[in-house]
Amino acid sequence: MTEARGLVDRLRAWVWEHPVAAFPVVYLGWAYLFWTPVLLSDSSVWAFPNLVWFLLGGASPVVAGLSLAALSGGRCQLRDLAIRLVDWRRIPIIWWAGILLFWLVFDLAKAGIAISLGITDAPLDPDWELFFNPAPLLFLLLLSFVFPAVEEVGLRGYYLETLQQHVNPALAGVINGMVWAAWHAPFVWFPGYYANTTFNPELSWWLPMIVCHTLMIMHVYNRTGHSILAVLVFHAMMNFTGEWLRISPEMYPFMLTGNAILAALVVLVWQKRSSPS
């Protein structure tokens, strides 16, 4: 018992001394530990036992977030995470509208610009039948919402909160986004992971886009009382809208530009708010 308590105390001291580095170490270390067998396998990620390894590794945001929150803040911090995950009242009505509709409006705007610039004449192929087929719709909703629920608790609820206590908002967003991108990078090599989706990412544009998305997510997070629920739904709507609209592969490198411009505008807003009047 004494040895176990001593180990916990040493871990707690390490977390307090390395608040910025602690989360990536646990988050990425846990994920890569379980994902390595999948990456070395020739079988589909959805086949047994690869699916088990994938799901265990995919739990790393929750594992890292909850374990580090317990070490650094105990029950008080865990309770705070739970409240911010379920308390919908801290999200203003106008922000609910933006959270639910932003990605639809943004993707349609980028599609219209792509057509006008001659990048593609078919930027989208909306799957209208999806809304009349309960099974595929339910699967897509689960895929869209479950993964963000796992990710946002640790990545934003714990780590982004911690980052903003130690660095300025822009740097906090970039670090958070880079760590998130590093976690996603192996997905392009998981055998068969994107087989049943319209998404086929390339690291050259996907990883920078993840950083841009993080800055947008962070803006929602900060404007909704640091609500985990708000960014969970915002993230889920990004996934759902993209799959429903079936964005053309030709669009994604172009969309990086639109995301980068919006992310830059978000950072400028932060700087303007923080600068003395």
C-alpha atoms as a PDB file:
ATOM      1  CA  MET A   1       0.000   0.000   0.000  1.00  0.00           C
ATOM      2  CA  THR A   2       2.815   2.387   0.922  1.00  0.00           C
ATOM      3  CA  GLU A   3       4.691   1.628  -2.304  1.00  0.00           C
ATOM      4  CA  ALA A   4       1.543   2.172  -4.384  1.00  0.00           C
ATOM      5  CA  ARG A   5       0.864   5.475  -2.643  1.00  0.00           C
ATOM      6  CA  GLY A   6       4.459   6.519  -3.215  1.00  0.00           C
ATOM      7  CA  LEU A   7       4.134   5.704  -6.925  1.00  0.00           C
ATOM      8  CA  VAL A   8       0.941   7.770  -7.191  1.00  0.00           C
ATOM      9  CA  ASP A   9       2.646  10.677  -5.450  1.00  0.00           C
ATOM     10  CA  ARG A  10       5.583  10.512  -7.860  1.00  0.00           C
ATOM     11  CA  LEU A  11       3.234  10.409 -10.846  1.00  0.00           C
ATOM     12  CA  ARG A  12       1.262  13.347  -9.470  1.00  0.00           C
ATOM     13  CA  ALA A  13       4.458  15.335  -8.977  1.00  0.00           C
ATOM     14  CA  TRP A  14       5.539  14.546 -12.542  1.00  0.00           C
ATOM     15  CA  VAL A  15       2.188  15.715 -13.943  1.00  0.00           C
ATOM     16  CA  TRP A  16       2.391  18.955 -11.957  1.00  0.00           C
ATOM     17  CA  GLU A  17       5.957  19.553 -13.162  1.00  0.00           C
ATOM     18  CA  HIS A  18       5.177  18.742 -16.825  1.00  0.00           C
ATOM     19  CA  PRO A  19       1.606  19.964 -17.431  1.00  0.00           C
ATOM     20  CA  VAL A  20       2.075  20.535 -21.175  1.00  0.00           C
ATOM     21  CA  ALA A  21       3.955  17.291 -21.913  1.00  0.00           C
ATOM     22  CA  ALA A  22       2.077  14.876 -19.647  1.00  0.00           C
ATOM     23  CA  PHE A  23      -1.031  14.506 -21.792  1.00  0.00           C
ATOM     24  CA  PRO A  24       0.747  13.787 -25.131  1.00  0.00           C
ATOM     25  CA  VAL A  25       2.966  11.196 -23.430  1.00  0.00           C
ATOM     26  CA  VAL A  26      -0.001   9.229 -22.068  1.00  0.00           C
ATOM     27  CA  TYR A  27      -2.382   9.974 -24.966  1.00  0.00           C
ATOM     28  CA  LEU A  28      -0.022   9.012 -27.788  1.00  0.00           C
ATOM     29  CA  GLY A  29       1.892   6.363 -25.858  1.00  0.00           C
ATOM     30  CA  TRP A  30      -1.264   4.423 -24.958  1.00  0.00           C
ATOM     31  CA  ALA A  31      -2.646   4.684 -28.499  1.00  0.00           C
ATOM     32  CA  TYR A  32       0.516   3.629 -30.324  1.00  0.00           C
ATOM     33  CA  LEU A  33       1.104   0.759 -27.890  1.00  0.00           C
ATOM     34  CA  PHE A  34      -2.152  -0.920 -28.948  1.00  0.00           C
ATOM     35  CA  TRP A  35      -2.183   0.269 -32.565  1.00  0.00           C
ATOM     36  CA  THR A  36       1.231  -1.130 -33.485  1.00  0.00           C
ATOM     37  CA  PRO A  37      -0.107  -4.697 -33.996  1.00  0.00           C
ATOM     38  CA  VAL A  38      -2.789  -3.298 -36.319  1.00  0.00           C
ATOM     39  CA  LEU A  39      -0.238  -1.341 -38.342  1.00  0.00           C
ATOM     40  CA  LEU A  40       1.910  -4.454 -38.696  1.00  0.00           C
ATOM     41  CA  SER A  41      -1.055  -6.588 -39.747  1.00  0.00           C
ATOM     42  CA  ASP A  42      -2.296  -7.317 -43.262  1.00  0.00           C
ATOM     43  CA  SER A  43      -5.853  -7.893 -42.023  1.00  0.00           C
ATOM     44  CA  SER A  44      -8.583  -5.267 -41.894  1.00  0.00           C
ATOM     45  CA  VAL A  45      -8.726  -3.044 -38.846  1.00  0.00           C
ATOM     46  CA  TRP A  46     -12.355  -4.181 -38.458  1.00  0.00           C
ATOM     47  CA  ALA A  47     -11.382  -7.875 -38.233  1.00  0.00           C
ATOM     48  CA  PHE A  48     -10.627  -9.725 -34.990  1.00  0.00           C
ATOM     49  CA  PRO A  49      -8.284  -9.223 -33.142  1.00  0.00           C
ATOM     50  CA  ASN A  50      -7.318  -5.950 -34.860  1.00  0.00           C
ATOM     51  CA  LEU A  51     -10.617  -4.357 -33.879  1.00  0.00           C
ATOM     52  CA  VAL A  52      -9.845  -5.046 -30.210  1.00  0.00           C
ATOM     53  CA  TRP A  53      -6.407  -3.420 -30.475  1.00  0.00           C
ATOM     54  CA  PHE A  54      -7.877  -0.484 -32.387  1.00  0.00           C
ATOM     55  CA  LEU A  55     -10.598   0.164 -29.803  1.00  0.00           C
ATOM     56  CA  LEU A  56      -8.195  -0.170 -26.883  1.00  0.00           C
ATOM     57  CA  GLY A  57      -5.829   2.329 -28.483  1.00  0.00           C
ATOM     58  CA  GLY A  58      -8.724   4.569 -29.455  1.00  0.00           C
ATOM     59  CA  ALA A  59      -9.670   4.900 -25.790  1.00  0.00           C
ATOM     60  CA  SER A  60      -6.468   6.875 -25.148  1.00  0.00           C
ATOM     61  CA  PRO A  61      -8.137  10.337 -25.028  1.00  0.00           C
ATOM     62  CA  VAL A  62     -10.403   9.222 -22.190  1.00  0.00           C
ATOM     63  CA  VAL A  63      -7.646   7.229 -20.473  1.00  0.00           C
ATOM     64  CA  ALA A  64      -5.229  10.159 -20.605  1.00  0.00           C
ATOM     65  CA  GLY A  65      -7.795  12.819 -19.734  1.00  0.00           C
ATOM     66  CA  LEU A  66      -9.412  11.048 -16.776  1.00  0.00           C
ATOM     67  CA  SER A  67      -6.206   9.628 -15.308  1.00  0.00           C
ATOM     68  CA  LEU A  68      -4.350  12.943 -15.487  1.00  0.00           C
ATOM     69  CA  ALA A  69      -7.368  14.846 -14.181  1.00  0.00           C
ATOM     70  CA  ALA A  70      -7.548  12.447 -11.236  1.00  0.00           C
ATOM     71  CA  LEU A  71      -3.833  12.841 -10.549  1.00  0.00           C
ATOM     72  CA  SER A  72      -3.694  16.609 -10.884  1.00  0.00           C
ATOM     73  CA  GLY A  73      -7.077  17.655  -9.484  1.00  0.00           C
ATOM     74  CA  GLY A  74      -8.693  14.616  -7.911  1.00  0.00           C
ATOM     75  CA  ARG A  75     -12.454  14.260  -7.589  1.00  0.00           C
ATOM     76  CA  CYS A  76     -12.990  17.989  -7.974  1.00  0.00           C
ATOM     77  CA  GLN A  77     -11.503  18.042 -11.459  1.00  0.00           C
ATOM     78  CA  LEU A  78     -13.257  14.844 -12.496  1.00  0.00           C
ATOM     79  CA  ARG A  79     -16.552  16.340 -11.336  1.00  0.00           C
ATOM     80  CA  ASP A  80     -15.829  19.485 -13.336  1.00  0.00           C
ATOM     81  CA  LEU A  81     -15.234  17.395 -16.484  1.00  0.00           C
ATOM     82  CA  ALA A  82     -18.531  15.585 -15.954  1.00  0.00           C
ATOM     83  CA  ILE A  83     -20.471  18.817 -15.482  1.00  0.00           C
ATOM     84  CA  ARG A  84     -18.994  20.428 -18.593  1.00  0.00           C
ATOM     85  CA  LEU A  85     -19.805  17.285 -20.565  1.00  0.00           C
ATOM     86  CA  VAL A  86     -23.541  17.253 -19.775  1.00  0.00           C
ATOM     87  CA  ASP A  87     -24.504  20.824 -18.857  1.00  0.00           C
ATOM     88  CA  TRP A  88     -26.222  22.105 -22.016  1.00  0.00           C
ATOM     89  CA  ARG A  89     -27.395  25.275 -20.250  1.00  0.00           C
ATOM     90  CA  ARG A  90     -23.977  26.933 -20.427  1.00  0.00           C
ATOM     91  CA  ILE A  91     -24.284  26.980 -24.234  1.00  0.00           C
ATOM     92  CA  PRO A  92     -26.182  30.104 -25.459  1.00  0.00           C
ATOM     93  CA  ILE A  93     -29.025  29.445 -27.921  1.00  0.00           C
ATOM     94  CA  ILE A  94     -27.265  31.379 -30.687  1.00  0.00           C
ATOM     95  CA  TRP A  95     -24.240  29.147 -30.256  1.00  0.00           C
ATOM     96  CA  TRP A  96     -26.404  26.037 -30.463  1.00  0.00           C
ATOM     97  CA  ALA A  97     -27.555  27.256 -33.885  1.00  0.00           C
ATOM     98  CA  GLY A  98     -23.965  27.807 -34.990  1.00  0.00           C
ATOM     99  CA  ILE A  99     -22.771  24.466 -33.643  1.00  0.00           C
ATOM    100  CA  LEU A 100     -25.482  22.566 -35.524  1.00  0.00           C
ATOM    101  CA  LEU A 101     -25.378  24.487 -38.811  1.00  0.00           C
ATOM    102  CA  PHE A 102     -21.827  25.786 -39.200  1.00  0.00           C
ATOM    103  CA  TRP A 103     -20.315  22.850 -41.081  1.00  0.00           C
ATOM    104  CA  LEU A 104     -23.226  22.602 -43.501  1.00  0.00           C
ATOM    105  CA  VAL A 105     -23.015  26.299 -44.379  1.00  0.00           C
ATOM    106  CA  PHE A 106     -19.211  26.289 -44.494  1.00  0.00           C
ATOM    107  CA  ASP A 107     -18.958  23.184 -46.699  1.00  0.00           C
ATOM    108  CA  LEU A 108     -21.631  24.464 -49.091  1.00  0.00           C
ATOM    109  CA  ALA A 109     -19.828  27.812 -49.348  1.00  0.00           C
ATOM    110  CA  LYS A 110     -16.530  26.124 -50.176  1.00  0.00           C
ATOM    111  CA  ALA A 111     -18.266  23.921 -52.729  1.00  0.00           C
ATOM    112  CA  GLY A 112     -19.758  26.992 -54.435  1.00  0.00           C
ATOM    113  CA  ILE A 113     -16.368  28.711 -54.535  1.00  0.00           C
ATOM    114  CA  ALA A 114     -14.748  25.568 -55.942  1.00  0.00           C
ATOM    115  CA  ILE A 115     -17.273  25.496 -58.796  1.00  0.00           C
ATOM    116  CA  SER A 116     -16.760  29.196 -59.545  1.00  0.00           C
ATOM    117  CA  LEU A 117     -12.976  28.737 -59.647  1.00  0.00           C
ATOM    118  CA  GLY A 118     -13.222  25.686 -61.907  1.00  0.00           C
ATOM    119  CA  ILE A 119     -11.622  23.334 -59.377  1.00  0.00           C
ATOM    120  CA  THR A 120     -14.401  20.786 -59.868  1.00  0.00           C
ATOM    121  CA  ASP A 121     -17.891  20.790 -61.299  1.00  0.00           C
ATOM    122  CA  ALA A 122     -19.087  18.161 -58.803  1.00  0.00           C
ATOM    123  CA  PRO A 123     -17.802  19.115 -55.337  1.00  0.00           C
ATOM    124  CA  LEU A 124     -20.604  17.295 -53.514  1.00  0.00           C
ATOM    125  CA  ASP A 125     -22.774  14.230 -53.986  1.00  0.00           C
ATOM    126  CA  PRO A 126     -25.334  14.409 -51.137  1.00  0.00           C
ATOM    127  CA  ASP A 127     -26.726  11.081 -49.990  1.00  0.00           C
ATOM    128  CA  TRP A 128     -30.409  12.005 -49.637  1.00  0.00           C
ATOM    129  CA  GLU A 129     -31.432   8.356 -49.324  1.00  0.00           C
ATOM    130  CA  LEU A 130     -29.523   8.204 -46.052  1.00  0.00           C
ATOM    131  CA  PHE A 131     -32.426   9.880 -44.248  1.00  0.00           C
ATOM    132  CA  PHE A 132     -34.838   7.168 -45.425  1.00  0.00           C
ATOM    133  CA  ASN A 133     -32.648   4.219 -44.357  1.00  0.00           C
ATOM    134  CA  PRO A 134     -32.621   3.880 -40.555  1.00  0.00           C
ATOM    135  CA  ALA A 135     -29.767   1.368 -40.303  1.00  0.00           C
ATOM    136  CA  PRO A 136     -27.126   3.323 -42.295  1.00  0.00           C
ATOM    137  CA  LEU A 137     -28.296   6.579 -40.702  1.00  0.00           C
ATOM    138  CA  LEU A 138     -27.955   5.139 -37.195  1.00  0.00           C
ATOM    139  CA  PHE A 139     -24.499   3.762 -38.009  1.00  0.00           C
ATOM    140  CA  LEU A 140     -23.346   7.129 -39.333  1.00  0.00           C
ATOM    141  CA  LEU A 141     -24.741   8.959 -36.301  1.00  0.00           C
ATOM    142  CA  LEU A 142     -22.972   6.545 -33.973  1.00  0.00           C
ATOM    143  CA  LEU A 143     -19.734   6.876 -35.918  1.00  0.00           C
ATOM    144  CA  SER A 144     -20.075  10.667 -35.949  1.00  0.00           C
ATOM    145  CA  PHE A 145     -20.887  11.127 -32.261  1.00  0.00           C
ATOM    146  CA  VAL A 146     -19.226   8.257 -30.370  1.00  0.00           C
ATOM    147  CA  PHE A 147     -15.655   8.956 -31.482  1.00  0.00           C
ATOM    148  CA  PRO A 148     -15.887  12.703 -30.699  1.00  0.00           C
ATOM    149  CA  ALA A 149     -17.332  11.840 -27.294  1.00  0.00           C
ATOM    150  CA  VAL A 150     -14.250   9.734 -26.575  1.00  0.00           C
ATOM    151  CA  GLU A 151     -11.853  12.359 -27.942  1.00  0.00           C
ATOM    152  CA  GLU A 152     -13.231  15.623 -26.600  1.00  0.00           C
ATOM    153  CA  VAL A 153     -13.299  14.727 -22.899  1.00  0.00           C
ATOM    154  CA  GLY A 154      -9.546  14.319 -22.730  1.00  0.00           C
ATOM    155  CA  LEU A 155      -8.282  16.334 -25.659  1.00  0.00           C
ATOM    156  CA  ARG A 156     -10.266  19.482 -25.034  1.00  0.00           C
ATOM    157  CA  GLY A 157     -11.900  19.050 -21.632  1.00  0.00           C
ATOM    158  CA  TYR A 158      -8.611  18.254 -19.911  1.00  0.00           C
ATOM    159  CA  TYR A 159      -5.693  19.075 -22.206  1.00  0.00           C
ATOM    160  CA  LEU A 160      -6.899  22.270 -23.880  1.00  0.00           C
ATOM    161  CA  GLU A 161      -7.978  23.530 -20.469  1.00  0.00           C
ATOM    162  CA  THR A 162      -4.496  22.788 -19.122  1.00  0.00           C
ATOM    163  CA  LEU A 163      -2.724  24.370 -22.089  1.00  0.00           C
ATOM    164  CA  GLN A 164      -4.637  27.622 -21.757  1.00  0.00           C
ATOM    165  CA  GLN A 165      -3.472  27.897 -18.159  1.00  0.00           C
ATOM    166  CA  HIS A 166       0.164  27.876 -19.276  1.00  0.00           C
ATOM    167  CA  VAL A 167       0.404  29.386 -22.784  1.00  0.00           C
ATOM    168  CA  ASN A 168      -1.461  31.969 -24.860  1.00  0.00           C
ATOM    169  CA  PRO A 169      -4.643  30.864 -26.701  1.00  0.00           C
ATOM    170  CA  ALA A 170      -3.096  30.691 -30.192  1.00  0.00           C
ATOM    171  CA  LEU A 171      -0.183  28.546 -29.043  1.00  0.00           C
ATOM    172  CA  ALA A 172      -2.519  26.402 -26.943  1.00  0.00           C
ATOM    173  CA  GLY A 173      -4.666  25.741 -30.013  1.00  0.00           C
ATOM    174  CA  VAL A 174      -1.701  24.908 -32.233  1.00  0.00           C
ATOM    175  CA  ILE A 175      -0.172  22.513 -29.680  1.00  0.00           C
ATOM    176  CA  ASN A 176      -3.535  20.854 -29.096  1.00  0.00           C
ATOM    177  CA  GLY A 177      -4.046  20.500 -32.846  1.00  0.00           C
ATOM    178  CA  MET A 178      -0.577  19.088 -33.499  1.00  0.00           C
ATOM    179  CA  VAL A 179      -1.013  16.472 -30.779  1.00  0.00           C
ATOM    180  CA  TRP A 180      -4.429  15.575 -32.189  1.00  0.00           C
ATOM    181  CA  ALA A 181      -2.942  15.320 -35.686  1.00  0.00           C
ATOM    182  CA  ALA A 182      -0.169  13.025 -34.439  1.00  0.00           C
ATOM    183  CA  TRP A 183      -2.838  10.750 -32.952  1.00  0.00           C
ATOM    184  CA  HIS A 184      -4.731  10.637 -36.276  1.00  0.00           C
ATOM    185  CA  ALA A 185      -1.720  10.021 -38.521  1.00  0.00           C
ATOM    186  CA  PRO A 186      -1.754   6.186 -38.208  1.00  0.00           C
ATOM    187  CA  PHE A 187      -5.358   6.088 -39.465  1.00  0.00           C
ATOM    188  CA  VAL A 188      -4.189   6.381 -43.082  1.00  0.00           C
ATOM    189  CA  TRP A 189      -2.256   3.114 -42.663  1.00  0.00           C
ATOM    190  CA  PHE A 190      -4.902   1.105 -40.811  1.00  0.00           C
ATOM    191  CA  PRO A 191      -5.945  -1.576 -43.327  1.00  0.00           C
ATOM    192  CA  GLY A 192      -9.518  -0.955 -44.480  1.00  0.00           C
ATOM    193  CA  TYR A 193     -10.297   1.824 -42.004  1.00  0.00           C
ATOM    194  CA  TYR A 194     -11.847   4.143 -44.616  1.00  0.00           C
ATOM    195  CA  ALA A 195     -13.297   1.343 -46.761  1.00  0.00           C
ATOM    196  CA  ASN A 196     -16.921   2.200 -45.936  1.00  0.00           C
ATOM    197  CA  THR A 197     -16.582   5.987 -46.039  1.00  0.00           C
ATOM    198  CA  THR A 198     -16.153   8.641 -48.723  1.00  0.00           C
ATOM    199  CA  PHE A 199     -13.021   9.972 -47.012  1.00  0.00           C
ATOM    200  CA  ASN A 200      -9.530   9.102 -48.284  1.00  0.00           C
ATOM    201  CA  PRO A 201      -7.069  11.449 -46.566  1.00  0.00           C
ATOM    202  CA  GLU A 202      -3.486  12.289 -47.440  1.00  0.00           C
ATOM    203  CA  LEU A 203      -1.241  13.436 -44.625  1.00  0.00           C
ATOM    204  CA  SER A 204       0.028  16.441 -46.595  1.00  0.00           C
ATOM    205  CA  TRP A 205      -3.326  18.236 -46.322  1.00  0.00           C
ATOM    206  CA  TRP A 206      -5.120  16.284 -43.610  1.00  0.00           C
ATOM    207  CA  LEU A 207      -2.749  16.981 -40.715  1.00  0.00           C
ATOM    208  CA  PRO A 208      -2.680  20.778 -41.269  1.00  0.00           C
ATOM    209  CA  MET A 209      -6.468  20.690 -41.600  1.00  0.00           C
ATOM    210  CA  ILE A 210      -6.736  18.987 -38.212  1.00  0.00           C
ATOM    211  CA  VAL A 211      -4.778  21.859 -36.669  1.00  0.00           C
ATOM    212  CA  CYS A 212      -7.121  24.358 -38.363  1.00  0.00           C
ATOM    213  CA  HIS A 213     -10.160  22.453 -37.121  1.00  0.00           C
ATOM    214  CA  THR A 214      -8.709  22.535 -33.619  1.00  0.00           C
ATOM    215  CA  LEU A 215      -8.531  26.334 -33.666  1.00  0.00           C
ATOM    216  CA  MET A 216     -12.199  26.487 -34.702  1.00  0.00           C
ATOM    217  CA  ILE A 217     -13.161  23.948 -32.045  1.00  0.00           C
ATOM    218  CA  MET A 218     -11.226  25.929 -29.471  1.00  0.00           C
ATOM    219  CA  HIS A 219     -13.132  29.076 -30.408  1.00  0.00           C
ATOM    220  CA  VAL A 220     -16.428  27.266 -29.758  1.00  0.00           C
ATOM    221  CA  TYR A 221     -15.023  25.865 -26.517  1.00  0.00           C
ATOM    222  CA  ASN A 222     -14.009  29.258 -25.162  1.00  0.00           C
ATOM    223  CA  ARG A 223     -17.224  31.000 -26.190  1.00  0.00           C
ATOM    224  CA  THR A 224     -19.490  28.387 -24.570  1.00  0.00           C
ATOM    225  CA  GLY A 225     -18.098  28.423 -21.051  1.00  0.00           C
ATOM    226  CA  HIS A 226     -15.504  25.736 -21.808  1.00  0.00           C
ATOM    227  CA  SER A 227     -18.292  23.308 -22.616  1.00  0.00           C
ATOM    228  CA  ILE A 228     -17.162  19.823 -23.594  1.00  0.00           C
ATOM    229  CA  LEU A 229     -20.686  19.102 -24.822  1.00  0.00           C
ATOM    230  CA  ALA A 230     -20.496  22.037 -27.252  1.00  0.00           C
ATOM    231  CA  VAL A 231     -17.278  20.872 -28.897  1.00  0.00           C
ATOM    232  CA  LEU A 232     -18.448  17.258 -28.894  1.00  0.00           C
ATOM    233  CA  VAL A 233     -21.542  18.176 -30.940  1.00  0.00           C
ATOM    234  CA  PHE A 234     -19.542  20.602 -33.123  1.00  0.00           C
ATOM    235  CA  HIS A 235     -17.001  17.868 -33.875  1.00  0.00           C
ATOM    236  CA  ALA A 236     -19.748  15.308 -34.508  1.00  0.00           C
ATOM    237  CA  MET A 237     -21.563  17.617 -36.937  1.00  0.00           C
ATOM    238  CA  MET A 238     -18.317  18.066 -38.855  1.00  0.00           C
ATOM    239  CA  ASN A 239     -18.073  14.283 -39.273  1.00  0.00           C
ATOM    240  CA  PHE A 240     -21.746  13.779 -40.073  1.00  0.00           C
ATOM    241  CA  THR A 241     -22.004  16.647 -42.565  1.00  0.00           C
ATOM    242  CA  GLY A 242     -18.919  15.546 -44.461  1.00  0.00           C
ATOM    243  CA  GLU A 243     -20.197  12.002 -44.852  1.00  0.00           C
ATOM    244  CA  TRP A 244     -23.732  13.086 -45.754  1.00  0.00           C
ATOM    245  CA  LEU A 245     -22.580  15.603 -48.362  1.00  0.00           C
ATOM    246  CA  ARG A 246     -20.027  13.087 -49.709  1.00  0.00           C
ATOM    247  CA  ILE A 247     -17.409  15.712 -50.460  1.00  0.00           C
ATOM    248  CA  SER A 248     -15.408  15.004 -53.600  1.00  0.00           C
ATOM    249  CA  PRO A 249     -11.761  13.951 -53.039  1.00  0.00           C
ATOM    250  CA  GLU A 250     -10.776  16.815 -55.362  1.00  0.00           C
ATOM    251  CA  MET A 251     -12.134  19.227 -52.773  1.00  0.00           C
ATOM    252  CA  TYR A 252     -10.026  18.379 -49.763  1.00  0.00           C
ATOM    253  CA  PRO A 253      -6.702  20.032 -50.703  1.00  0.00           C
ATOM    254  CA  PHE A 254      -8.687  23.139 -51.723  1.00  0.00           C
ATOM    255  CA  MET A 255     -10.704  23.018 -48.503  1.00  0.00           C
ATOM    256  CA  LEU A 256      -7.483  23.275 -46.510  1.00  0.00           C
ATOM    257  CA  THR A 257      -7.162  26.843 -47.803  1.00  0.00           C
ATOM    258  CA  GLY A 258     -10.648  27.736 -46.598  1.00  0.00           C
ATOM    259  CA  ASN A 259     -10.005  26.160 -43.212  1.00  0.00           C
ATOM    260  CA  ALA A 260      -6.655  27.936 -42.874  1.00  0.00           C
ATOM    261  CA  ILE A 261      -8.207  31.315 -43.670  1.00  0.00           C
ATOM    262  CA  LEU A 262     -10.969  30.841 -41.116  1.00  0.00           C
ATOM    263  CA  ALA A 263      -8.519  29.566 -38.493  1.00  0.00           C
ATOM    264  CA  ALA A 264      -6.337  32.649 -39.061  1.00  0.00           C
ATOM    265  CA  LEU A 265      -9.361  34.899 -38.618  1.00  0.00           C
ATOM    266  CA  VAL A 266     -10.185  33.136 -35.356  1.00  0.00           C
ATOM    267  CA  VAL A 267      -6.655  33.791 -34.062  1.00  0.00           C
ATOM    268  CA  LEU A 268      -6.928  37.453 -35.070  1.00  0.00           C
ATOM    269  CA  VAL A 269     -10.172  37.724 -33.096  1.00  0.00           C
ATOM    270  CA  TRP A 270      -8.422  36.276 -30.025  1.00  0.00           C
ATOM    271  CA  GLN A 271      -5.535  38.715 -30.377  1.00  0.00           C
ATOM    272  CA  LYS A 272      -7.898  41.651 -30.768  1.00  0.00           C
ATOM    273  CA  ARG A 273      -9.840  40.617 -27.660  1.00  0.00           C
ATOM    274  CA  SER A 274      -6.664  40.200 -25.610  1.00  0.00           C
ATOM    275  CA  SER A 275      -4.968  43.430 -26.760  1.00  0.00           C
ATOM    276  CA  PRO A 276      -5.374  46.493 -24.507  1.00  0.00           C
ATOM    277  CA  SER A 277      -8.020  48.947 -25.700  1.00  0.00           C
END
